[in-house]
């Protein structure tokens, strides 16, 4: 136990001394500015993005989740009663279809007004 404690204290002390010994990195304007693929940044880094884009991205994630839920369906069809599997599948698809129709009716999929 003493060996472990001593080695931990030695490693900690060594790391603290190494941190004090190495030169510190100064923050200049280039390091504080956002990186935009090698180009000079145009404007601030905290520009708000379009709410329509956010809604479309959420819809994409929901339908991507639907695919992830429906992919194991062929293995679930090996059940003795495939009617329960088909019922759950249809329920998932109907719920997502109703949500998609509601979003379309509310105008959430319109990109420009």
C-alpha atoms as a PDB file:
ATOM      1  CA  UNK A   1       0.000   0.000   0.000  1.00  0.00           C
ATOM      2  CA  UNK A   2       2.876   2.336   0.815  1.00  0.00           C
ATOM      3  CA  UNK A   3       4.507   1.569  -2.526  1.00  0.00           C
ATOM      4  CA  UNK A   4       1.349   2.468  -4.439  1.00  0.00           C
ATOM      5  CA  UNK A   5       0.860   5.707  -2.488  1.00  0.00           C
ATOM      6  CA  UNK A   6       4.497   6.688  -2.951  1.00  0.00           C
ATOM      7  CA  UNK A   7       4.415   5.969  -6.665  1.00  0.00           C
ATOM      8  CA  UNK A   8       1.187   7.966  -7.095  1.00  0.00           C
ATOM      9  CA  UNK A   9       2.684  10.935  -5.233  1.00  0.00           C
ATOM     10  CA  UNK A  10       5.872  10.679  -7.281  1.00  0.00           C
ATOM     11  CA  UNK A  11       3.966  10.575 -10.578  1.00  0.00           C
ATOM     12  CA  UNK A  12       1.753  13.485  -9.497  1.00  0.00           C
ATOM     13  CA  UNK A  13       4.758  15.562  -8.445  1.00  0.00           C
ATOM     14  CA  UNK A  14       6.537  14.759 -11.681  1.00  0.00           C
ATOM     15  CA  UNK A  15       3.539  15.849 -13.733  1.00  0.00           C
ATOM     16  CA  UNK A  16       3.182  19.099 -11.764  1.00  0.00           C
ATOM     17  CA  UNK A  17       6.882  19.908 -12.242  1.00  0.00           C
ATOM     18  CA  UNK A  18       6.658  19.039 -15.916  1.00  0.00           C
ATOM     19  CA  UNK A  19       3.695  21.385 -16.288  1.00  0.00           C
ATOM     20  CA  UNK A  20       5.603  24.228 -14.622  1.00  0.00           C
ATOM     21  CA  UNK A  21       8.763  23.543 -16.588  1.00  0.00           C
ATOM     22  CA  UNK A  22       7.239  23.417 -20.063  1.00  0.00           C
ATOM     23  CA  UNK A  23       6.496  26.783 -21.680  1.00  0.00           C
ATOM     24  CA  UNK A  24       2.925  27.967 -21.557  1.00  0.00           C
ATOM     25  CA  UNK A  25       1.056  28.529 -24.777  1.00  0.00           C
ATOM     26  CA  UNK A  26      -0.082  32.086 -25.298  1.00  0.00           C
ATOM     27  CA  UNK A  27      -3.466  32.718 -26.859  1.00  0.00           C
ATOM     28  CA  UNK A  28      -3.195  34.931 -29.927  1.00  0.00           C
ATOM     29  CA  UNK A  29      -5.940  36.109 -32.278  1.00  0.00           C
ATOM     30  CA  UNK A  30      -5.537  33.203 -34.682  1.00  0.00           C
ATOM     31  CA  UNK A  31      -5.926  30.612 -31.948  1.00  0.00           C
ATOM     32  CA  UNK A  32      -8.960  32.373 -30.510  1.00  0.00           C
ATOM     33  CA  UNK A  33     -10.750  32.662 -33.877  1.00  0.00           C
ATOM     34  CA  UNK A  34     -12.936  29.814 -35.170  1.00  0.00           C
ATOM     35  CA  UNK A  35     -11.402  27.528 -37.768  1.00  0.00           C
ATOM     36  CA  UNK A  36     -13.310  27.390 -41.043  1.00  0.00           C
ATOM     37  CA  UNK A  37     -11.460  24.910 -43.266  1.00  0.00           C
ATOM     38  CA  UNK A  38      -8.445  27.149 -43.742  1.00  0.00           C
ATOM     39  CA  UNK A  39     -10.429  30.206 -44.826  1.00  0.00           C
ATOM     40  CA  UNK A  40     -10.615  33.483 -42.972  1.00  0.00           C
ATOM     41  CA  UNK A  41     -13.697  33.468 -40.757  1.00  0.00           C
ATOM     42  CA  UNK A  42     -16.550  35.586 -42.042  1.00  0.00           C
ATOM     43  CA  UNK A  43     -18.490  36.927 -39.089  1.00  0.00           C
ATOM     44  CA  UNK A  44     -18.886  35.399 -35.673  1.00  0.00           C
ATOM     45  CA  UNK A  45     -18.877  31.720 -34.809  1.00  0.00           C
ATOM     46  CA  UNK A  46     -22.230  31.931 -33.036  1.00  0.00           C
ATOM     47  CA  UNK A  47     -24.453  32.679 -36.016  1.00  0.00           C
ATOM     48  CA  UNK A  48     -27.986  31.354 -35.480  1.00  0.00           C
ATOM     49  CA  UNK A  49     -29.093  28.698 -37.930  1.00  0.00           C
ATOM     50  CA  UNK A  50     -32.422  28.296 -39.647  1.00  0.00           C
ATOM     51  CA  UNK A  51     -35.271  26.785 -37.637  1.00  0.00           C
ATOM     52  CA  UNK A  52     -36.530  25.047 -40.790  1.00  0.00           C
ATOM     53  CA  UNK A  53     -33.197  23.270 -41.105  1.00  0.00           C
ATOM     54  CA  UNK A  54     -33.479  22.163 -37.477  1.00  0.00           C
ATOM     55  CA  UNK A  55     -37.001  20.763 -38.050  1.00  0.00           C
ATOM     56  CA  UNK A  56     -35.911  18.895 -41.186  1.00  0.00           C
ATOM     57  CA  UNK A  57     -32.934  17.459 -39.287  1.00  0.00           C
ATOM     58  CA  UNK A  58     -35.220  16.271 -36.471  1.00  0.00           C
ATOM     59  CA  UNK A  59     -37.548  14.653 -39.025  1.00  0.00           C
ATOM     60  CA  UNK A  60     -34.550  12.916 -40.596  1.00  0.00           C
ATOM     61  CA  UNK A  61     -33.492  11.575 -37.197  1.00  0.00           C
ATOM     62  CA  UNK A  62     -36.995  10.283 -36.493  1.00  0.00           C
ATOM     63  CA  UNK A  63     -37.203   8.418 -39.787  1.00  0.00           C
ATOM     64  CA  UNK A  64     -33.671   7.141 -39.319  1.00  0.00           C
ATOM     65  CA  UNK A  65     -34.762   5.770 -35.955  1.00  0.00           C
ATOM     66  CA  UNK A  66     -37.737   4.152 -37.686  1.00  0.00           C
ATOM     67  CA  UNK A  67     -35.399   2.308 -40.019  1.00  0.00           C
ATOM     68  CA  UNK A  68     -33.304   1.177 -37.054  1.00  0.00           C
ATOM     69  CA  UNK A  69     -36.447  -0.148 -35.367  1.00  0.00           C
ATOM     70  CA  UNK A  70     -37.694  -1.941 -38.471  1.00  0.00           C
ATOM     71  CA  UNK A  71     -34.384  -3.520 -39.549  1.00  0.00           C
ATOM     72  CA  UNK A  72     -34.617  -6.483 -37.146  1.00  0.00           C
ATOM     73  CA  UNK A  73     -38.096  -7.275 -38.483  1.00  0.00           C
ATOM     74  CA  UNK A  74     -37.045 -10.333 -40.555  1.00  0.00           C
ATOM     75  CA  UNK A  75     -35.571 -11.971 -37.440  1.00  0.00           C
ATOM     76  CA  UNK A  76     -38.668 -11.113 -35.438  1.00  0.00           C
ATOM     77  CA  UNK A  77     -40.837 -12.792 -38.077  1.00  0.00           C
ATOM     78  CA  UNK A  78     -39.464 -16.155 -36.911  1.00  0.00           C
ATOM     79  CA  UNK A  79     -41.819 -15.964 -33.946  1.00  0.00           C
ATOM     80  CA  UNK A  80     -44.585 -18.567 -33.778  1.00  0.00           C
ATOM     81  CA  UNK A  81     -47.152 -15.761 -34.061  1.00  0.00           C
ATOM     82  CA  UNK A  82     -46.049 -13.240 -36.689  1.00  0.00           C
ATOM     83  CA  UNK A  83     -49.296 -11.303 -36.297  1.00  0.00           C
ATOM     84  CA  UNK A  84     -48.003  -9.527 -33.178  1.00  0.00           C
ATOM     85  CA  UNK A  85     -44.829  -8.550 -35.019  1.00  0.00           C
ATOM     86  CA  UNK A  86     -46.814  -7.215 -37.949  1.00  0.00           C
ATOM     87  CA  UNK A  87     -49.154  -5.371 -35.589  1.00  0.00           C
ATOM     88  CA  UNK A  88     -46.269  -3.601 -33.850  1.00  0.00           C
ATOM     89  CA  UNK A  89     -44.678  -2.802 -37.220  1.00  0.00           C
ATOM     90  CA  UNK A  90     -47.880  -1.296 -38.563  1.00  0.00           C
ATOM     91  CA  UNK A  91     -48.349   0.655 -35.328  1.00  0.00           C
ATOM     92  CA  UNK A  92     -44.858   2.193 -35.629  1.00  0.00           C
ATOM     93  CA  UNK A  93     -45.402   3.078 -39.281  1.00  0.00           C
ATOM     94  CA  UNK A  94     -48.866   4.562 -38.647  1.00  0.00           C
ATOM     95  CA  UNK A  95     -47.625   6.720 -35.750  1.00  0.00           C
ATOM     96  CA  UNK A  96     -44.755   8.050 -37.859  1.00  0.00           C
ATOM     97  CA  UNK A  97     -47.051   8.600 -40.842  1.00  0.00           C
ATOM     98  CA  UNK A  98     -49.529  10.559 -38.711  1.00  0.00           C
ATOM     99  CA  UNK A  99     -46.686  12.696 -37.341  1.00  0.00           C
ATOM    100  CA  UNK A 100     -45.392  13.307 -40.856  1.00  0.00           C
ATOM    101  CA  UNK A 101     -48.853  14.323 -42.098  1.00  0.00           C
ATOM    102  CA  UNK A 102     -49.291  16.667 -39.116  1.00  0.00           C
ATOM    103  CA  UNK A 103     -45.877  18.258 -39.738  1.00  0.00           C
ATOM    104  CA  UNK A 104     -46.701  18.688 -43.416  1.00  0.00           C
ATOM    105  CA  UNK A 105     -50.100  20.244 -42.618  1.00  0.00           C
ATOM    106  CA  UNK A 106     -48.513  22.690 -40.150  1.00  0.00           C
ATOM    107  CA  UNK A 107     -46.043  23.819 -42.830  1.00  0.00           C
ATOM    108  CA  UNK A 108     -42.952  22.572 -41.046  1.00  0.00           C
ATOM    109  CA  UNK A 109     -41.560  21.055 -44.234  1.00  0.00           C
ATOM    110  CA  UNK A 110     -41.826  24.268 -46.248  1.00  0.00           C
ATOM    111  CA  UNK A 111     -38.321  25.620 -46.688  1.00  0.00           C
ATOM    112  CA  UNK A 112     -39.223  29.162 -47.776  1.00  0.00           C
ATOM    113  CA  UNK A 113     -42.354  31.107 -46.950  1.00  0.00           C
END
